[in-house]
């Protein structure tokens, strides 16, 4: 159980983004591509877990002052620093070991992901706005990794929407840190150049841009021609409902700390995701 918490296995759900290009390309039933994508998912998960471990080691003092993060295995002292270094290093080596079985392009992307996240942990997370884009870049790398492994081209539309959505979620996370700081009295370096007014304005902007971008994607001539349907815009209903619910969680319930936890626990958002997948599937695959 401690290892699961240390490696933050529940965050592995983010790495399912490597399957996204296959879904949007209409090749979801091309099972011959799945073996490599599963290795890609595992490789990303192990490397991401090693980064979480090293980040917790670097942030141990700040985490001990955080009402939630103080319960993490390293901050709470349940796992020693030496053990954490060994486990983190083993996870990193295993992740790149799996990447070695795949193509060179994926190895380059995985290394870029490691460098960006290491730079983030070592200090760039304290630079406002830059930190948000660094977090968002991880999701972009995931979809491009899924594309090169499955031999599927990643469209500009997909890259734009993933970037916007990841920026939106990263901002919501920063907002939660600011709200928590009012309780603890300790303002973390990563949020010292943010305030609620700025974050709220950015969230409002990004939520609108995401919806518009998705609507433009669904009615673009390129997408209509590729999928041979002009009904894809109907799936936007679930996108709009999901974003509205996330804003409600953020502004009304003041609980935007972990996008992954919300994704796994909030029934409304789970329902919109299932509805979106089913409607997308029906429109594309059963037309």
Protein backbone atom coordinates (compact mmCIF):
# COMPACT_ATOMS: atom_id res chain seq x y z
CA UNK A 1 0.00 0.00 0.00
CA UNK A 2 2.86 2.38 0.80
CA UNK A 3 4.41 1.73 -2.61
CA UNK A 4 1.10 2.50 -4.31
CA UNK A 5 0.94 5.81 -2.46
CA UNK A 6 4.61 6.56 -3.09
CA UNK A 7 4.31 5.92 -6.83
CA UNK A 8 0.88 7.64 -6.94
CA UNK A 9 -0.54 4.82 -9.03
CA UNK A 10 -3.92 6.59 -9.19
CA UNK A 11 -2.18 9.26 -11.31
CA UNK A 12 -1.37 6.64 -13.94
CA UNK A 13 -4.80 7.38 -15.39
CA UNK A 14 -3.17 10.43 -17.01
CA UNK A 15 -1.05 8.11 -19.13
CA UNK A 16 -4.13 6.75 -20.90
CA UNK A 17 -3.65 9.84 -23.07
CA UNK A 18 -1.26 7.70 -25.13
CA UNK A 19 -4.37 5.88 -26.45
CA UNK A 20 -6.12 9.11 -27.45
CA UNK A 21 -4.62 9.47 -30.98
CA UNK A 22 -5.79 5.95 -31.87
CA UNK A 23 -9.34 6.77 -30.73
CA UNK A 24 -9.53 10.07 -32.63
CA UNK A 25 -8.06 8.50 -35.75
CA UNK A 26 -10.89 5.97 -35.87
CA UNK A 27 -8.58 2.96 -35.31
CA UNK A 28 -9.79 1.95 -31.88
CA UNK A 29 -10.43 -1.62 -33.08
CA UNK A 30 -6.99 -2.02 -34.63
CA UNK A 31 -5.86 -4.38 -31.86
CA UNK A 32 -2.48 -5.04 -33.50
CA UNK A 33 -1.33 -1.64 -32.22
CA UNK A 34 -2.34 -2.22 -28.61
CA UNK A 35 0.66 -4.27 -27.46
CA UNK A 36 3.08 -1.42 -28.14
CA UNK A 37 0.68 1.14 -26.66
CA UNK A 38 0.38 -0.89 -23.45
CA UNK A 39 4.18 -0.89 -23.18
CA UNK A 40 4.09 2.87 -23.81
CA UNK A 41 1.55 3.32 -21.01
CA UNK A 42 3.62 1.27 -18.57
CA UNK A 43 6.85 3.01 -19.55
CA UNK A 44 5.32 6.45 -19.03
CA UNK A 45 3.75 5.37 -15.74
CA UNK A 46 7.02 4.10 -14.27
CA UNK A 47 8.98 7.19 -15.34
CA UNK A 48 6.21 9.47 -14.04
CA UNK A 49 6.23 7.62 -10.71
CA UNK A 50 9.98 8.08 -10.39
CA UNK A 51 9.50 11.82 -10.97
CA UNK A 52 6.82 11.92 -8.26
CA UNK A 53 9.25 10.26 -5.85
CA UNK A 54 12.11 12.66 -6.64
CA UNK A 55 9.73 15.63 -6.44
CA UNK A 56 8.52 14.50 -3.01
CA UNK A 57 12.14 14.22 -1.88
CA UNK A 58 12.83 17.76 -3.06
CA UNK A 59 9.63 19.14 -1.47
CA UNK A 60 9.70 17.20 1.78
CA UNK A 61 9.84 20.28 4.04
CA UNK A 62 7.08 22.15 2.21
CA UNK A 63 4.91 19.01 2.05
CA UNK A 64 5.16 18.55 5.82
CA UNK A 65 3.37 21.89 6.22
CA UNK A 66 0.61 20.99 3.73
CA UNK A 67 -2.64 19.59 5.24
CA UNK A 68 -2.88 16.79 2.64
CA UNK A 69 0.65 16.31 1.34
CA UNK A 70 2.05 15.80 4.85
CA UNK A 71 0.41 12.35 4.76
CA UNK A 72 2.52 11.21 1.79
CA UNK A 73 4.93 8.33 2.60
CA UNK A 74 8.13 10.43 2.46
CA UNK A 75 6.79 13.56 4.19
CA UNK A 76 5.24 11.44 6.96
CA UNK A 77 8.45 9.48 7.46
CA UNK A 78 6.90 6.10 6.64
CA UNK A 79 9.45 5.66 3.85
CA UNK A 80 13.03 6.84 4.43
CA UNK A 81 14.85 9.12 2.02
CA UNK A 82 17.34 6.36 1.15
CA UNK A 83 14.58 3.87 0.35
CA UNK A 84 12.78 6.49 -1.71
CA UNK A 85 15.91 7.18 -3.77
CA UNK A 86 16.37 3.47 -4.46
CA UNK A 87 12.72 2.90 -5.38
CA UNK A 88 12.58 6.02 -7.55
CA UNK A 89 15.74 5.05 -9.41
CA UNK A 90 14.47 1.50 -9.97
CA UNK A 91 11.19 2.81 -11.36
CA UNK A 92 13.07 5.18 -13.70
CA UNK A 93 15.35 2.41 -15.02
CA UNK A 94 12.42 0.04 -15.57
CA UNK A 95 10.52 2.74 -17.44
CA UNK A 96 13.37 3.41 -19.84
CA UNK A 97 14.00 -0.32 -20.11
CA UNK A 98 10.50 -0.73 -21.54
CA UNK A 99 11.03 2.28 -23.81
CA UNK A 100 14.08 0.53 -25.25
CA UNK A 101 11.72 -2.13 -26.63
CA UNK A 102 9.87 0.53 -28.63
CA UNK A 103 11.01 2.99 -31.30
CA UNK A 104 13.63 5.72 -31.02
CA UNK A 105 11.12 8.55 -31.43
CA UNK A 106 9.28 7.43 -28.30
CA UNK A 107 12.56 7.22 -26.38
CA UNK A 108 13.34 10.82 -27.33
CA UNK A 109 9.87 11.99 -26.24
CA UNK A 110 10.15 10.11 -22.95
CA UNK A 111 13.57 11.64 -22.30
CA UNK A 112 12.15 15.11 -23.07
CA UNK A 113 9.33 14.40 -20.59
CA UNK A 114 11.91 13.45 -17.95
CA UNK A 115 14.05 16.55 -18.57
CA UNK A 116 11.04 18.91 -18.44
CA UNK A 117 9.73 17.38 -15.22
CA UNK A 118 13.17 17.27 -13.62
CA UNK A 119 13.64 20.97 -14.46
CA UNK A 120 10.20 21.63 -12.99
CA UNK A 121 11.06 19.84 -9.75
CA UNK A 122 14.47 21.50 -9.46
CA UNK A 123 13.14 25.05 -9.55
CA UNK A 124 11.16 26.04 -12.65
CA UNK A 125 7.91 25.31 -10.81
CA UNK A 126 8.57 28.52 -8.88
CA UNK A 127 8.30 30.63 -12.06
CA UNK A 128 4.69 31.67 -12.52
CA UNK A 129 3.00 30.89 -15.86
CA UNK A 130 6.07 28.92 -16.95
CA UNK A 131 5.14 26.25 -14.40
CA UNK A 132 1.62 25.92 -15.84
CA UNK A 133 2.94 25.40 -19.37
CA UNK A 134 5.47 22.84 -18.17
CA UNK A 135 2.71 20.78 -16.54
CA UNK A 136 0.61 21.04 -19.70
CA UNK A 137 3.51 19.95 -21.90
CA UNK A 138 3.43 16.52 -20.24
CA UNK A 139 0.00 15.79 -21.72
CA UNK A 140 1.11 16.94 -25.16
CA UNK A 141 4.12 14.63 -25.00
CA UNK A 142 1.82 11.75 -24.03
CA UNK A 143 -0.40 12.11 -27.09
CA UNK A 144 2.56 12.52 -29.46
CA UNK A 145 4.15 9.44 -27.87
CA UNK A 146 0.95 7.49 -28.49
CA UNK A 147 0.98 8.76 -32.06
CA UNK A 148 4.53 7.72 -32.92
CA UNK A 149 4.17 4.31 -31.28
CA UNK A 150 0.83 3.50 -32.95
CA UNK A 151 1.90 5.13 -36.23
CA UNK A 152 -1.03 7.57 -36.14
CA UNK A 153 -0.66 11.26 -37.05
CA UNK A 154 -1.63 13.67 -34.26
CA UNK A 155 -3.75 16.46 -35.73
CA UNK A 156 -3.23 20.09 -34.81
CA UNK A 157 -6.80 20.17 -33.51
CA UNK A 158 -6.10 17.38 -31.04
CA UNK A 159 -2.85 18.99 -29.86
CA UNK A 160 -4.60 22.35 -29.34
CA UNK A 161 -7.47 20.85 -27.33
CA UNK A 162 -5.19 18.75 -25.15
CA UNK A 163 -2.97 21.76 -24.46
CA UNK A 164 -5.95 23.97 -23.55
CA UNK A 165 -7.52 21.34 -21.31
CA UNK A 166 -4.26 20.60 -19.49
CA UNK A 167 -3.63 24.33 -18.92
CA UNK A 168 -7.15 24.61 -17.52
CA UNK A 169 -6.60 21.74 -15.08
CA UNK A 170 -3.17 23.04 -14.03
CA UNK A 171 -4.69 26.45 -13.25
CA UNK A 172 -7.43 24.82 -11.19
CA UNK A 173 -4.74 22.99 -9.21
CA UNK A 174 -2.91 26.27 -8.54
CA UNK A 175 -6.17 27.80 -7.36
CA UNK A 176 -6.59 25.02 -4.82
CA UNK A 177 -3.07 25.66 -3.52
CA UNK A 178 -3.97 29.34 -2.98
CA UNK A 179 -7.19 28.43 -1.16
CA UNK A 180 -5.29 26.00 1.08
CA UNK A 181 -2.66 28.62 1.86
CA UNK A 182 -5.34 30.79 3.47
CA UNK A 183 -5.96 27.90 5.88
CA UNK A 184 -2.37 26.93 6.63
CA UNK A 185 -0.95 30.45 6.55
CA UNK A 186 1.98 29.15 4.51
CA UNK A 187 2.11 30.29 0.86
CA UNK A 188 4.11 27.83 -1.26
CA UNK A 189 6.71 29.34 -3.62
CA UNK A 190 4.88 27.88 -6.61
CA UNK A 191 1.84 30.12 -6.03
CA UNK A 192 3.38 33.31 -4.64
CA UNK A 193 2.88 35.13 -7.94
CA UNK A 194 -0.73 34.03 -8.35
CA UNK A 195 -3.92 35.19 -6.69
CA UNK A 196 -7.56 34.15 -6.87
CA UNK A 197 -8.59 37.02 -9.13
CA UNK A 198 -5.94 36.15 -11.73
CA UNK A 199 -6.61 32.40 -11.57
CA UNK A 200 -10.38 32.85 -11.76
CA UNK A 201 -10.03 35.10 -14.80
CA UNK A 202 -7.75 32.60 -16.55
CA UNK A 203 -10.09 29.69 -15.77
CA UNK A 204 -13.04 31.60 -17.22
CA UNK A 205 -11.05 32.42 -20.37
CA UNK A 206 -9.78 28.88 -20.87
CA UNK A 207 -13.16 27.27 -20.26
CA UNK A 208 -14.67 29.42 -23.02
CA UNK A 209 -11.76 28.85 -25.41
CA UNK A 210 -11.87 25.07 -24.85
CA UNK A 211 -15.56 24.92 -25.72
CA UNK A 212 -15.14 27.08 -28.82
CA UNK A 213 -12.08 25.10 -29.96
CA UNK A 214 -13.94 21.82 -29.55
CA UNK A 215 -16.96 23.11 -31.48
CA UNK A 216 -14.69 24.35 -34.29
CA UNK A 217 -13.01 20.94 -34.33
CA UNK A 218 -16.31 19.07 -34.68
CA UNK A 219 -17.49 21.22 -37.62
CA UNK A 220 -14.16 21.61 -39.40
CA UNK A 221 -14.17 20.35 -43.03
CA UNK A 222 -11.09 18.20 -42.29
CA UNK A 223 -12.83 16.30 -39.48
CA UNK A 224 -16.14 15.98 -41.33
CA UNK A 225 -14.32 14.52 -44.34
CA UNK A 226 -12.19 12.15 -42.25
CA UNK A 227 -15.10 10.69 -40.28
CA UNK A 228 -17.69 11.13 -43.04
CA UNK A 229 -20.21 12.71 -40.66
CA UNK A 230 -21.30 16.22 -39.73
CA UNK A 231 -23.01 15.21 -36.46
CA UNK A 232 -19.92 15.21 -34.26
CA UNK A 233 -20.89 18.58 -32.81
CA UNK A 234 -23.51 16.79 -30.67
CA UNK A 235 -20.74 15.41 -28.47
CA UNK A 236 -19.99 19.00 -27.39
CA UNK A 237 -22.97 18.78 -25.01
CA UNK A 238 -20.96 16.45 -22.76
CA UNK A 239 -17.83 18.61 -23.05
CA UNK A 240 -19.76 21.73 -21.99
CA UNK A 241 -21.48 19.89 -19.11
CA UNK A 242 -18.15 18.45 -17.91
CA UNK A 243 -16.43 21.84 -17.90
CA UNK A 244 -19.38 23.47 -16.12
CA UNK A 245 -19.26 20.77 -13.44
CA UNK A 246 -15.50 21.22 -12.98
CA UNK A 247 -16.01 24.97 -12.59
CA UNK A 248 -18.72 24.25 -10.04
CA UNK A 249 -16.34 22.01 -8.09
CA UNK A 250 -13.65 24.70 -8.28
CA UNK A 251 -15.65 27.85 -7.50
CA UNK A 252 -18.58 26.59 -5.42
CA UNK A 253 -17.21 23.53 -3.64
CA UNK A 254 -13.62 24.86 -3.43
CA UNK A 255 -12.24 21.39 -4.17
CA UNK A 256 -10.05 21.44 -7.27
CA UNK A 257 -6.88 20.05 -5.68
CA UNK A 258 -6.43 16.86 -7.66
CA UNK A 259 -7.88 16.61 -11.20
CA UNK A 260 -7.19 12.87 -11.11
CA UNK A 261 -9.20 12.39 -7.91
CA UNK A 262 -12.09 14.39 -9.34
CA UNK A 263 -11.96 12.34 -12.52
CA UNK A 264 -12.12 9.10 -10.54
CA UNK A 265 -14.62 10.15 -7.87
CA UNK A 266 -17.08 12.75 -9.16
CA UNK A 267 -20.10 10.89 -10.54
CA UNK A 268 -21.27 13.78 -12.72
CA UNK A 269 -17.92 14.14 -14.48
CA UNK A 270 -17.61 10.37 -14.84
CA UNK A 271 -21.07 10.41 -16.42
CA UNK A 272 -20.12 13.16 -18.89
CA UNK A 273 -16.96 11.27 -19.86
CA UNK A 274 -18.88 8.05 -20.44
CA UNK A 275 -21.55 9.95 -22.37
CA UNK A 276 -18.93 11.66 -24.52
CA UNK A 277 -17.12 8.39 -25.31
CA UNK A 278 -20.36 6.57 -26.16
CA UNK A 279 -21.71 9.39 -28.33
CA UNK A 280 -18.36 9.81 -30.09
CA UNK A 281 -18.21 6.05 -30.65
CA UNK A 282 -21.75 5.88 -32.05
CA UNK A 283 -21.28 8.83 -34.40
CA UNK A 284 -17.87 7.68 -35.71
CA UNK A 285 -17.98 3.91 -35.61
CA UNK A 286 -21.67 3.03 -36.00
CA UNK A 287 -22.74 5.48 -38.68
